[in-house]
C-alpha cells in the first residue's frame, strides 16, 4: 500500500502568520514519511 498524501496549509494574512509557518516546520520535522506523503501549501502575508 502506498503512502497517504496529506496537505499542510500554512501562512495566511493574520498576525499569526509566523506561528503558522513555524507549526508547518514542526509537522515537516515530525511527520512519519514512511506512512505519509506531505505536500505543503504556503499562503503569503498578502494572501
C-alpha atoms as a PDB file:
ATOM      1  CA  UNK A   1       0.000   0.000   0.000  1.00  0.00           C
ATOM      2  CA  UNK A   2       1.299   3.477  -0.853  1.00  0.00           C
ATOM      3  CA  UNK A   3       1.724   6.412   1.424  1.00  0.00           C
ATOM      4  CA  UNK A   4      -1.256   8.621   2.188  1.00  0.00           C
ATOM      5  CA  UNK A   5      -0.902  12.095   0.641  1.00  0.00           C
ATOM      6  CA  UNK A   6      -1.755  14.902   3.023  1.00  0.00           C
ATOM      7  CA  UNK A   7      -1.781  18.648   2.526  1.00  0.00           C
ATOM      8  CA  UNK A   8      -0.312  21.015   5.075  1.00  0.00           C
ATOM      9  CA  UNK A   9      -1.666  24.519   4.574  1.00  0.00           C
ATOM     10  CA  UNK A  10       0.153  27.308   6.384  1.00  0.00           C
ATOM     11  CA  UNK A  11       0.670  31.047   6.458  1.00  0.00           C
ATOM     12  CA  UNK A  12      -2.097  33.498   5.701  1.00  0.00           C
ATOM     13  CA  UNK A  13      -2.849  37.136   6.260  1.00  0.00           C
ATOM     14  CA  UNK A  14      -3.293  37.173  10.020  1.00  0.00           C
ATOM     15  CA  UNK A  15      -0.837  38.269  12.661  1.00  0.00           C
ATOM     16  CA  UNK A  16      -0.338  34.553  13.368  1.00  0.00           C
ATOM     17  CA  UNK A  17       1.491  34.034  10.034  1.00  0.00           C
ATOM     18  CA  UNK A  18       4.955  33.398  11.577  1.00  0.00           C
ATOM     19  CA  UNK A  19       3.477  30.948  14.082  1.00  0.00           C
ATOM     20  CA  UNK A  20       1.699  29.080  11.301  1.00  0.00           C
ATOM     21  CA  UNK A  21       4.968  28.786   9.346  1.00  0.00           C
ATOM     22  CA  UNK A  22       6.739  27.505  12.453  1.00  0.00           C
ATOM     23  CA  UNK A  23       3.972  24.946  13.045  1.00  0.00           C
ATOM     24  CA  UNK A  24       4.288  23.690   9.456  1.00  0.00           C
ATOM     25  CA  UNK A  25       8.032  23.220  10.023  1.00  0.00           C
ATOM     26  CA  UNK A  26       7.272  21.170  13.130  1.00  0.00           C
ATOM     27  CA  UNK A  27       4.887  18.997  11.122  1.00  0.00           C
ATOM     28  CA  UNK A  28       7.554  18.525   8.437  1.00  0.00           C
ATOM     29  CA  UNK A  29      10.166  17.570  11.022  1.00  0.00           C
ATOM     30  CA  UNK A  30       7.941  15.081  12.843  1.00  0.00           C
ATOM     31  CA  UNK A  31       5.748  13.504  10.172  1.00  0.00           C
ATOM     32  CA  UNK A  32       6.305   9.804   9.536  1.00  0.00           C
ATOM     33  CA  UNK A  33       7.254   9.949   5.852  1.00  0.00           C
ATOM     34  CA  UNK A  34       7.076   6.163   5.590  1.00  0.00           C
ATOM     35  CA  UNK A  35       3.309   6.455   6.094  1.00  0.00           C
ATOM     36  CA  UNK A  36       2.546   9.919   4.700  1.00  0.00           C
ATOM     37  CA  UNK A  37       3.497  11.889   1.614  1.00  0.00           C
ATOM     38  CA  UNK A  38       3.038  15.533   2.545  1.00  0.00           C
ATOM     39  CA  UNK A  39       2.613  18.450   0.212  1.00  0.00           C
ATOM     40  CA  UNK A  40       2.831  21.980   1.501  1.00  0.00           C
ATOM     41  CA  UNK A  41       0.715  24.951   0.504  1.00  0.00           C
ATOM     42  CA  UNK A  42       2.063  28.261   1.748  1.00  0.00           C
ATOM     43  CA  UNK A  43      -0.090  31.371   1.780  1.00  0.00           C
ATOM     44  CA  UNK A  44       1.770  34.677   1.740  1.00  0.00           C
ATOM     45  CA  UNK A  45       1.025  37.568   4.057  1.00  0.00           C
ATOM     46  CA  UNK A  46      -0.678  39.235   1.084  1.00  0.00           C
ATOM     47  CA  UNK A  47      -2.987  36.258   0.680  1.00  0.00           C
END
